[in-house]
Amino acid sequence: MTIRLVAAIALGDLMIHVGEYYAATHGGVERASPLCVRVNAFRLFSRNFYCFTNLAICFHLYRTLVKLRQPNFKYEIFTWTIMLALTIIFTLIYYFMGAFTGLSHPSGCNPGAESHTLDAIFSCIQALVNIFTVISCLTISIIGRRNLSNWITTYASSRENEGQCREQFINEGKKIAERSFLYPLSTILTLPFEAIFLILIVCGKFVPQLTIPMAIFSGLSGVLTFIAFAIDPSTHSAFKDAYRNLRGTSKPKPQQSYNIDEDFKAIP
């Protein structure tokens, strides 16, 4: 499940980049036009999807690594359902506020409600979601890293009879778990400047200079997420397993693999 949530974060990051790139390269799109509405709908859905996916993986890591609760199919379905439901609900809220039209902006096709009051409420909701996401991801990462020793010790104890070197198993398993916290920490780069930008809009101040660090750190976060995804051995193992399943070949077992979700089931 961790791998699937990480893949969802990467997808959300990519969706944000696609939406923002299209908006930046098609600045002549008329406000409130059908195309503008679709573009803003995609941008807002992507941002909500990104935030709630990061919150979902934080909840999952906290439940797994701190509470030592075993993940199962029912729990995964529940997590995905809540995440997608919140994404859709918040996107619909923005729609009924008229945020897809972008009429509050003097020029350009950008999300913004039809009236000043609704636009302030819309910006406030966005800012609060961003702030809550950043605080949650940072807090869970700190708490989770502090509890890694307890988790990996319990994890290793369940494998003592399988012939692995205990110290090597603990060290490598801990590294795998630590890498999992890199993904939600990317929100520290992507969301704070946007939250500040939105809060200033609520206060009646439009600061276009903030769009520069917003774009820089959003792009940097995307690059770092891709690098972390590319070098994470857990993702390599997951893709290899998926490929073998598609080909119908059995998985070789020359060495011990580490998986936060599947191997955790061995813990009594």
Protein backbone atom coordinates (compact mmCIF):
# COMPACT_ATOMS: atom_id res chain seq x y z
CA MET A 1 0.00 0.00 0.00
CA THR A 2 2.87 2.37 0.76
CA ILE A 3 4.14 1.99 -2.81
CA ARG A 4 0.69 2.68 -4.24
CA LEU A 5 0.30 5.83 -2.14
CA VAL A 6 3.77 7.00 -3.16
CA ALA A 7 2.83 6.42 -6.79
CA ALA A 8 -0.33 8.48 -6.20
CA ILE A 9 1.78 11.32 -4.77
CA ALA A 10 4.00 11.21 -7.84
CA LEU A 11 0.89 11.26 -10.05
CA GLY A 12 -0.55 14.22 -8.14
CA ASP A 13 2.74 16.08 -8.46
CA LEU A 14 2.78 15.41 -12.20
CA MET A 15 -0.84 16.55 -12.58
CA ILE A 16 -0.04 19.84 -10.83
CA HIS A 17 2.91 20.45 -13.14
CA VAL A 18 0.84 19.68 -16.24
CA GLY A 19 -1.97 22.00 -15.14
CA GLU A 20 0.32 24.88 -14.20
CA TYR A 21 2.39 24.50 -17.37
CA TYR A 22 -0.71 24.58 -19.54
CA ALA A 23 -2.03 27.64 -17.71
CA ALA A 24 1.32 29.43 -18.04
CA THR A 25 1.63 28.71 -21.76
CA HIS A 26 -2.00 29.54 -22.59
CA GLY A 27 -2.39 32.88 -20.85
CA GLY A 28 -4.78 34.13 -23.51
CA VAL A 29 -7.60 31.79 -22.48
CA GLU A 30 -10.70 33.89 -21.83
CA ARG A 31 -12.01 33.96 -18.27
CA ALA A 32 -15.21 31.97 -17.61
CA SER A 33 -14.92 30.29 -21.01
CA PRO A 34 -15.55 26.52 -21.15
CA LEU A 35 -11.82 25.91 -21.67
CA CYS A 36 -10.91 28.13 -18.72
CA VAL A 37 -13.40 26.31 -16.50
CA ARG A 38 -11.94 22.92 -17.47
CA VAL A 39 -8.35 24.10 -16.93
CA ASN A 40 -9.13 25.54 -13.49
CA ALA A 41 -11.11 22.44 -12.55
CA PHE A 42 -8.11 20.26 -13.41
CA ARG A 43 -5.70 22.53 -11.50
CA LEU A 44 -7.83 22.59 -8.36
CA PHE A 45 -8.55 18.86 -8.49
CA SER A 46 -4.82 18.17 -8.87
CA ARG A 47 -3.95 20.33 -5.87
CA ASN A 48 -6.61 18.68 -3.70
CA PHE A 49 -5.50 15.23 -4.86
CA TYR A 50 -1.89 16.07 -3.99
CA CYS A 51 -2.76 17.35 -0.50
CA PHE A 52 -5.09 14.53 0.49
CA THR A 53 -2.77 11.85 -0.90
CA ASN A 54 0.03 13.20 1.29
CA LEU A 55 -2.32 13.20 4.27
CA ALA A 56 -3.28 9.61 3.45
CA ILE A 57 0.31 8.39 3.39
CA CYS A 58 1.01 10.24 6.65
CA PHE A 59 -1.94 8.49 8.30
CA HIS A 60 -0.77 5.17 6.87
CA LEU A 61 2.83 5.58 8.06
CA TYR A 62 1.67 6.68 11.51
CA ARG A 63 -0.68 3.72 11.82
CA THR A 64 1.94 1.26 10.58
CA LEU A 65 5.19 2.50 12.11
CA VAL A 66 3.97 4.19 15.29
CA LYS A 67 0.83 2.28 16.26
CA LEU A 68 2.23 -1.00 14.85
CA ARG A 69 -1.11 -1.79 13.24
CA GLN A 70 -1.18 -4.34 10.45
CA PRO A 71 -2.51 -3.03 7.10
CA ASN A 72 -5.14 -5.10 5.31
CA PHE A 73 -7.34 -4.90 2.23
CA LYS A 74 -10.32 -3.39 4.08
CA TYR A 75 -8.13 -0.67 5.58
CA GLU A 76 -6.60 0.15 2.19
CA ILE A 77 -10.03 0.44 0.51
CA PHE A 78 -11.18 2.71 3.34
CA THR A 79 -8.11 4.93 3.00
CA TRP A 80 -8.42 5.29 -0.77
CA THR A 81 -12.17 5.94 -0.52
CA ILE A 82 -11.80 8.71 2.06
CA MET A 83 -8.90 10.28 0.15
CA LEU A 84 -10.76 10.38 -3.16
CA ALA A 85 -14.01 11.46 -1.50
CA LEU A 86 -12.34 14.46 0.17
CA THR A 87 -10.63 15.38 -3.09
CA ILE A 88 -13.94 15.36 -4.96
CA ILE A 89 -15.87 17.11 -2.17
CA PHE A 90 -13.44 20.02 -1.92
CA THR A 91 -13.29 20.33 -5.71
CA LEU A 92 -17.10 20.50 -5.82
CA ILE A 93 -17.09 23.13 -3.08
CA TYR A 94 -14.80 25.26 -5.21
CA TYR A 95 -17.07 24.67 -8.20
CA PHE A 96 -20.21 25.86 -6.41
CA MET A 97 -18.29 28.91 -5.20
CA GLY A 98 -17.60 29.77 -8.83
CA ALA A 99 -13.85 29.32 -8.46
CA PHE A 100 -13.52 27.64 -11.85
CA THR A 101 -14.51 30.82 -13.71
CA GLY A 102 -11.59 32.99 -12.58
CA LEU A 103 -13.78 36.10 -12.76
CA SER A 104 -12.20 37.66 -9.68
CA HIS A 105 -8.91 38.14 -11.54
CA PRO A 106 -8.52 41.18 -13.81
CA SER A 107 -6.82 39.11 -16.51
CA GLY A 108 -5.77 35.57 -17.26
CA CYS A 109 -7.45 32.27 -16.53
CA ASN A 110 -6.72 31.52 -12.87
CA PRO A 111 -8.90 30.00 -10.14
CA GLY A 112 -10.97 32.63 -8.39
CA ALA A 113 -14.57 33.00 -7.22
CA GLU A 114 -17.07 35.38 -8.77
CA SER A 115 -17.28 37.88 -5.89
CA HIS A 116 -14.70 39.35 -3.53
CA THR A 117 -16.27 37.67 -0.50
CA LEU A 118 -16.47 34.24 -2.10
CA ASP A 119 -12.95 34.61 -3.44
CA ALA A 120 -11.66 35.41 0.05
CA ILE A 121 -13.43 32.32 1.45
CA PHE A 122 -12.12 30.21 -1.42
CA SER A 123 -8.54 31.40 -0.84
CA CYS A 124 -8.89 30.86 2.91
CA ILE A 125 -10.04 27.26 2.45
CA GLN A 126 -7.15 26.55 0.10
CA ALA A 127 -4.65 28.10 2.51
CA LEU A 128 -6.00 26.12 5.48
CA VAL A 129 -5.81 22.84 3.53
CA ASN A 130 -2.21 23.62 2.57
CA ILE A 131 -1.21 24.57 6.12
CA PHE A 132 -2.91 21.52 7.62
CA THR A 133 -1.16 19.28 5.10
CA VAL A 134 2.29 20.75 5.81
CA ILE A 135 1.87 20.58 9.60
CA SER A 136 0.52 17.02 9.45
CA CYS A 137 3.30 15.78 7.17
CA LEU A 138 6.03 17.43 9.25
CA THR A 139 4.59 16.21 12.56
CA ILE A 140 4.06 12.63 11.40
CA SER A 141 7.55 12.52 9.89
CA ILE A 142 9.12 13.61 13.19
CA ILE A 143 7.01 11.25 15.31
CA GLY A 144 7.51 8.39 12.87
CA ARG A 145 11.29 8.73 12.73
CA ARG A 146 11.41 8.75 16.54
CA ASN A 147 9.51 5.45 16.62
CA LEU A 148 11.50 3.69 13.90
CA SER A 149 13.72 1.88 16.40
CA ASN A 150 10.71 0.40 18.18
CA TRP A 151 9.10 -0.59 14.88
CA ILE A 152 12.18 -2.20 13.31
CA THR A 153 13.06 -4.05 16.54
CA THR A 154 9.58 -5.58 16.65
CA TYR A 155 9.84 -6.22 12.93
CA ALA A 156 13.20 -7.99 13.28
CA SER A 157 12.04 -10.07 16.25
CA SER A 158 9.35 -11.62 14.07
CA ARG A 159 12.08 -12.73 11.61
CA GLU A 160 14.62 -14.15 14.04
CA ASN A 161 13.99 -17.70 12.92
CA GLU A 162 14.44 -16.97 9.22
CA GLY A 163 18.23 -16.95 9.26
CA GLN A 164 18.90 -13.30 8.47
CA CYS A 165 21.67 -11.35 10.17
CA ARG A 166 19.74 -9.34 12.76
CA GLU A 167 21.89 -6.20 12.68
CA GLN A 168 21.98 -6.07 8.90
CA PHE A 169 18.25 -6.67 8.77
CA ILE A 170 17.58 -3.83 11.23
CA ASN A 171 19.86 -1.36 9.46
CA GLU A 172 18.53 -2.05 5.98
CA GLY A 173 14.91 -2.19 7.12
CA LYS A 174 15.31 1.13 8.94
CA LYS A 175 16.71 2.77 5.81
CA ILE A 176 13.71 1.57 3.82
CA ALA A 177 11.31 3.03 6.40
CA GLU A 178 13.21 6.32 6.61
CA ARG A 179 12.94 6.81 2.85
CA SER A 180 9.17 6.52 3.09
CA PHE A 181 9.07 9.79 5.03
CA LEU A 182 10.84 11.69 2.25
CA TYR A 183 7.70 11.79 0.13
CA PRO A 184 5.33 13.66 2.52
CA LEU A 185 8.19 16.01 3.46
CA SER A 186 8.08 17.36 -0.10
CA THR A 187 5.03 19.38 0.97
CA ILE A 188 7.41 21.65 2.92
CA LEU A 189 8.70 22.84 -0.45
CA THR A 190 5.47 23.00 -2.45
CA LEU A 191 2.79 24.36 -0.12
CA PRO A 192 4.09 27.08 2.29
CA PHE A 193 4.62 29.83 -0.31
CA GLU A 194 1.25 29.10 -1.86
CA ALA A 195 -0.37 29.26 1.59
CA ILE A 196 1.25 32.65 2.25
CA PHE A 197 0.16 33.87 -1.18
CA LEU A 198 -3.44 32.82 -0.50
CA ILE A 199 -3.49 34.32 3.00
CA LEU A 200 -2.36 37.65 1.59
CA ILE A 201 -5.18 37.47 -0.96
CA VAL A 202 -7.63 36.96 1.91
CA CYS A 203 -6.17 40.09 3.50
CA GLY A 204 -6.76 41.99 0.26
CA LYS A 205 -3.14 41.99 -0.91
CA PHE A 206 -2.05 40.48 -4.21
CA VAL A 207 1.71 39.82 -4.25
CA PRO A 208 2.68 38.49 -7.70
CA GLN A 209 6.34 38.24 -6.64
CA LEU A 210 5.44 35.18 -4.56
CA THR A 211 4.56 33.26 -7.72
CA ILE A 212 8.30 33.04 -8.47
CA PRO A 213 9.30 31.01 -5.36
CA MET A 214 6.04 29.07 -5.74
CA ALA A 215 7.06 27.95 -9.22
CA ILE A 216 10.70 27.29 -8.26
CA PHE A 217 9.98 25.16 -5.20
CA SER A 218 7.11 23.34 -6.89
CA GLY A 219 9.46 22.36 -9.71
CA LEU A 220 12.22 21.44 -7.26
CA SER A 221 9.83 19.28 -5.28
CA GLY A 222 8.81 17.46 -8.44
CA VAL A 223 12.44 16.74 -9.30
CA LEU A 224 13.25 15.53 -5.77
CA THR A 225 10.13 13.34 -5.68
CA PHE A 226 11.15 11.76 -8.97
CA ILE A 227 14.70 11.14 -7.70
CA ALA A 228 13.45 9.62 -4.44
CA PHE A 229 10.99 7.47 -6.37
CA ALA A 230 13.71 6.36 -8.79
CA ILE A 231 16.29 5.36 -6.16
CA ASP A 232 13.90 3.83 -3.62
CA PRO A 233 14.54 0.05 -3.58
CA SER A 234 10.97 -0.54 -2.42
CA THR A 235 9.64 0.89 -5.67
CA HIS A 236 12.13 -1.21 -7.63
CA SER A 237 10.91 -4.34 -5.86
CA ALA A 238 7.26 -3.40 -6.40
CA PHE A 239 7.74 -2.81 -10.12
CA LYS A 240 9.66 -6.08 -10.49
CA ASP A 241 6.89 -7.97 -8.70
CA ALA A 242 4.25 -6.34 -10.90
CA TYR A 243 6.24 -7.22 -14.02
CA ARG A 244 6.61 -10.84 -12.91
CA ASN A 245 2.90 -11.04 -12.16
CA LEU A 246 2.07 -9.75 -15.63
CA ARG A 247 4.38 -12.34 -17.18
CA GLY A 248 3.09 -15.05 -14.89
CA THR A 249 6.55 -15.93 -13.59
CA SER A 250 7.33 -16.77 -9.99
CA LYS A 251 9.30 -14.44 -7.77
CA PRO A 252 12.86 -15.61 -7.03
CA LYS A 253 13.93 -15.57 -3.40
CA PRO A 254 17.71 -15.41 -3.32
CA GLN A 255 17.70 -12.76 -0.63
CA GLN A 256 15.45 -11.06 1.89
CA SER A 257 13.33 -8.19 0.61
CA TYR A 258 11.92 -5.42 2.77
CA ASN A 259 8.38 -4.15 2.47
CA ILE A 260 6.69 -2.00 5.08
CA ASP A 261 3.26 -3.42 4.29
CA GLU A 262 3.69 -7.05 3.27
CA ASP A 263 6.51 -8.04 5.60
CA PHE A 264 4.82 -6.24 8.48
CA LYS A 265 2.14 -8.93 8.45
CA ALA A 266 4.68 -11.25 10.06
CA ILE A 267 4.58 -9.21 13.26
CA PRO A 268 2.27 -10.92 15.75
